[in-house]
């Protein structure tokens, strides 16, 4: 699967959201957006004990986790 991601995107994404094509075909725009928003809520930004966002030392970007 990693090679397929490299072939498609040129890199392996950190997160990949997969959805049911048959649902997406039937869903209206609002329902589809709700589905994607719901799936994105499973990705959280890491925070320290004071509630501050934790940043990666190597990239400088916020660290994430799957909730």
N, C-alpha and C. Protein backbone atom coordinates (compact mmCIF):
# COMPACT_ATOMS: atom_id res chain seq x y z
N UNK A 1 0.82 -1.20 0.00
CA UNK A 1 0.00 0.00 0.00
C UNK A 1 0.86 1.26 0.00
N UNK A 2 2.01 1.21 0.70
CA UNK A 2 2.87 2.38 0.72
C UNK A 2 3.36 2.72 -0.68
N UNK A 3 3.72 1.71 -1.46
CA UNK A 3 4.19 1.97 -2.82
C UNK A 3 3.08 2.59 -3.66
N UNK A 4 1.85 2.13 -3.47
CA UNK A 4 0.73 2.69 -4.20
C UNK A 4 0.56 4.17 -3.87
N UNK A 5 0.72 4.54 -2.60
CA UNK A 5 0.62 5.94 -2.20
C UNK A 5 1.73 6.76 -2.86
N UNK A 6 2.94 6.21 -2.88
CA UNK A 6 4.05 6.91 -3.55
C UNK A 6 3.77 7.09 -5.04
N UNK A 7 3.20 6.05 -5.66
CA UNK A 7 2.87 6.14 -7.08
C UNK A 7 1.80 7.21 -7.33
N UNK A 8 0.79 7.26 -6.47
CA UNK A 8 -0.32 8.21 -6.65
C UNK A 8 0.06 9.63 -6.29
N UNK A 9 0.69 9.80 -5.10
CA UNK A 9 0.90 11.13 -4.55
C UNK A 9 2.36 11.58 -4.56
N UNK A 10 3.28 10.64 -4.76
CA UNK A 10 4.69 10.97 -4.69
C UNK A 10 5.26 10.90 -3.29
N UNK A 11 4.43 10.53 -2.32
CA UNK A 11 4.85 10.39 -0.92
C UNK A 11 3.80 9.56 -0.19
N UNK A 12 4.12 9.14 1.02
CA UNK A 12 3.16 8.41 1.85
C UNK A 12 2.52 9.42 2.79
N UNK A 13 1.20 9.67 2.67
CA UNK A 13 0.54 10.63 3.55
C UNK A 13 0.60 10.20 5.01
N UNK A 14 0.61 11.18 5.89
CA UNK A 14 0.58 10.90 7.32
C UNK A 14 -0.74 10.24 7.70
N UNK A 15 -1.83 10.75 7.13
CA UNK A 15 -3.16 10.21 7.38
C UNK A 15 -3.85 9.98 6.04
N UNK A 16 -4.65 8.95 6.00
CA UNK A 16 -5.42 8.65 4.80
C UNK A 16 -6.83 8.32 5.25
N UNK A 17 -7.78 9.07 4.76
CA UNK A 17 -9.18 8.84 5.10
C UNK A 17 -9.80 8.03 3.97
N UNK A 18 -10.40 6.91 4.32
CA UNK A 18 -11.11 6.12 3.32
C UNK A 18 -12.59 6.17 3.65
N UNK A 19 -13.40 6.25 2.62
CA UNK A 19 -14.85 6.33 2.81
C UNK A 19 -15.51 5.32 1.88
N UNK A 20 -16.74 4.99 2.20
CA UNK A 20 -17.53 4.03 1.43
C UNK A 20 -18.04 4.72 0.16
N UNK A 21 -17.58 4.26 -0.99
CA UNK A 21 -17.96 4.88 -2.26
C UNK A 21 -19.46 4.81 -2.50
N UNK A 22 -20.11 3.73 -2.08
CA UNK A 22 -21.55 3.62 -2.32
C UNK A 22 -22.32 4.65 -1.49
N UNK A 23 -21.83 4.95 -0.26
CA UNK A 23 -22.46 6.00 0.54
C UNK A 23 -22.23 7.36 -0.13
N UNK A 24 -21.00 7.60 -0.55
CA UNK A 24 -20.66 8.90 -1.14
C UNK A 24 -21.45 9.16 -2.42
N UNK A 25 -21.73 8.11 -3.15
CA UNK A 25 -22.51 8.25 -4.38
C UNK A 25 -23.93 8.72 -4.08
N UNK A 26 -24.49 8.25 -2.97
CA UNK A 26 -25.87 8.60 -2.59
C UNK A 26 -25.95 9.89 -1.78
N UNK A 27 -24.87 10.25 -1.12
CA UNK A 27 -24.89 11.40 -0.20
C UNK A 27 -24.98 12.71 -0.97
N UNK A 28 -25.73 13.65 -0.37
CA UNK A 28 -25.71 15.00 -0.94
C UNK A 28 -24.45 15.71 -0.44
N UNK A 29 -24.23 16.92 -0.90
CA UNK A 29 -23.00 17.64 -0.53
C UNK A 29 -22.86 17.81 0.97
N UNK A 30 -23.96 18.13 1.63
CA UNK A 30 -23.93 18.34 3.08
C UNK A 30 -23.57 17.06 3.81
N UNK A 31 -24.19 15.95 3.45
CA UNK A 31 -23.90 14.67 4.10
C UNK A 31 -22.45 14.26 3.87
N UNK A 32 -21.95 14.48 2.67
CA UNK A 32 -20.57 14.14 2.37
C UNK A 32 -19.61 14.97 3.22
N UNK A 33 -19.89 16.26 3.34
CA UNK A 33 -19.04 17.13 4.17
C UNK A 33 -19.11 16.72 5.63
N UNK A 34 -20.30 16.35 6.11
CA UNK A 34 -20.43 15.87 7.49
C UNK A 34 -19.55 14.63 7.72
N UNK A 35 -19.56 13.73 6.75
CA UNK A 35 -18.76 12.51 6.87
C UNK A 35 -17.27 12.84 6.96
N UNK A 36 -16.79 13.68 6.07
CA UNK A 36 -15.37 14.04 6.10
C UNK A 36 -15.01 14.79 7.38
N UNK A 37 -15.88 15.70 7.80
CA UNK A 37 -15.63 16.43 9.05
C UNK A 37 -15.55 15.46 10.22
N UNK A 38 -16.46 14.50 10.26
CA UNK A 38 -16.45 13.50 11.33
C UNK A 38 -15.13 12.74 11.34
N UNK A 39 -14.69 12.30 10.18
CA UNK A 39 -13.44 11.54 10.10
C UNK A 39 -12.24 12.40 10.50
N UNK A 40 -12.24 13.67 10.13
CA UNK A 40 -11.14 14.56 10.50
C UNK A 40 -11.09 14.80 12.00
N UNK A 41 -12.23 14.73 12.68
CA UNK A 41 -12.25 14.91 14.13
C UNK A 41 -11.48 13.80 14.86
N UNK A 42 -11.21 12.71 14.17
CA UNK A 42 -10.43 11.63 14.78
C UNK A 42 -8.94 11.98 14.85
N UNK A 43 -8.54 13.04 14.17
CA UNK A 43 -7.14 13.49 14.20
C UNK A 43 -7.06 14.67 15.16
N UNK A 44 -6.24 14.53 16.19
CA UNK A 44 -6.11 15.59 17.19
C UNK A 44 -4.71 16.17 17.22
N UNK A 45 -4.60 17.39 17.71
CA UNK A 45 -3.30 18.04 17.89
C UNK A 45 -2.83 17.74 19.31
N UNK A 46 -1.59 17.25 19.41
CA UNK A 46 -1.03 16.94 20.73
C UNK A 46 -0.81 18.23 21.52
N UNK A 47 -1.09 18.14 22.82
CA UNK A 47 -0.89 19.29 23.71
C UNK A 47 -0.12 18.84 24.94
N UNK A 48 0.64 19.78 25.51
CA UNK A 48 1.39 19.46 26.72
C UNK A 48 0.50 19.61 27.95
N UNK A 49 1.08 19.44 29.13
CA UNK A 49 0.29 19.47 30.36
C UNK A 49 -0.34 20.84 30.63
N UNK A 50 0.18 21.90 29.97
CA UNK A 50 -0.38 23.24 30.12
C UNK A 50 -1.39 23.58 29.02
N UNK A 51 -1.64 22.62 28.14
CA UNK A 51 -2.60 22.84 27.06
C UNK A 51 -2.01 23.50 25.83
N UNK A 52 -0.70 23.69 25.82
CA UNK A 52 -0.04 24.30 24.66
C UNK A 52 0.22 23.24 23.59
N UNK A 53 0.14 23.65 22.33
CA UNK A 53 0.38 22.73 21.22
C UNK A 53 1.83 22.27 21.24
N UNK A 54 2.03 20.96 21.01
CA UNK A 54 3.37 20.38 20.95
C UNK A 54 3.82 20.38 19.49
N UNK A 55 5.02 20.92 19.26
CA UNK A 55 5.57 21.00 17.91
C UNK A 55 6.71 20.00 17.74
N UNK A 56 6.84 19.48 16.54
CA UNK A 56 7.92 18.55 16.21
C UNK A 56 9.25 19.29 16.14
N UNK A 57 10.27 18.73 16.77
CA UNK A 57 11.60 19.33 16.70
C UNK A 57 12.17 19.28 15.28
N UNK A 58 11.82 18.24 14.53
CA UNK A 58 12.40 18.07 13.20
C UNK A 58 11.69 18.89 12.12
N UNK A 59 10.36 19.00 12.20
CA UNK A 59 9.62 19.70 11.14
C UNK A 59 9.13 21.08 11.55
N UNK A 60 8.99 21.30 12.86
CA UNK A 60 8.43 22.57 13.33
C UNK A 60 6.92 22.63 13.25
N UNK A 61 6.31 21.55 12.76
CA UNK A 61 4.85 21.50 12.63
C UNK A 61 4.23 20.89 13.89
N UNK A 62 2.93 21.19 14.14
CA UNK A 62 2.27 20.57 15.29
C UNK A 62 2.26 19.05 15.17
N UNK A 63 2.40 18.38 16.31
CA UNK A 63 2.31 16.92 16.33
C UNK A 63 0.83 16.54 16.43
N UNK A 64 0.48 15.44 15.77
CA UNK A 64 -0.90 14.96 15.75
C UNK A 64 -0.99 13.54 16.27
N UNK A 65 -2.20 13.12 16.58
CA UNK A 65 -2.46 11.75 17.02
C UNK A 65 -3.85 11.36 16.55
N UNK A 66 -4.09 10.07 16.49
CA UNK A 66 -5.43 9.58 16.17
C UNK A 66 -6.20 9.39 17.46
N UNK A 67 -7.36 10.01 17.54
CA UNK A 67 -8.18 9.92 18.74
C UNK A 67 -9.11 8.73 18.67
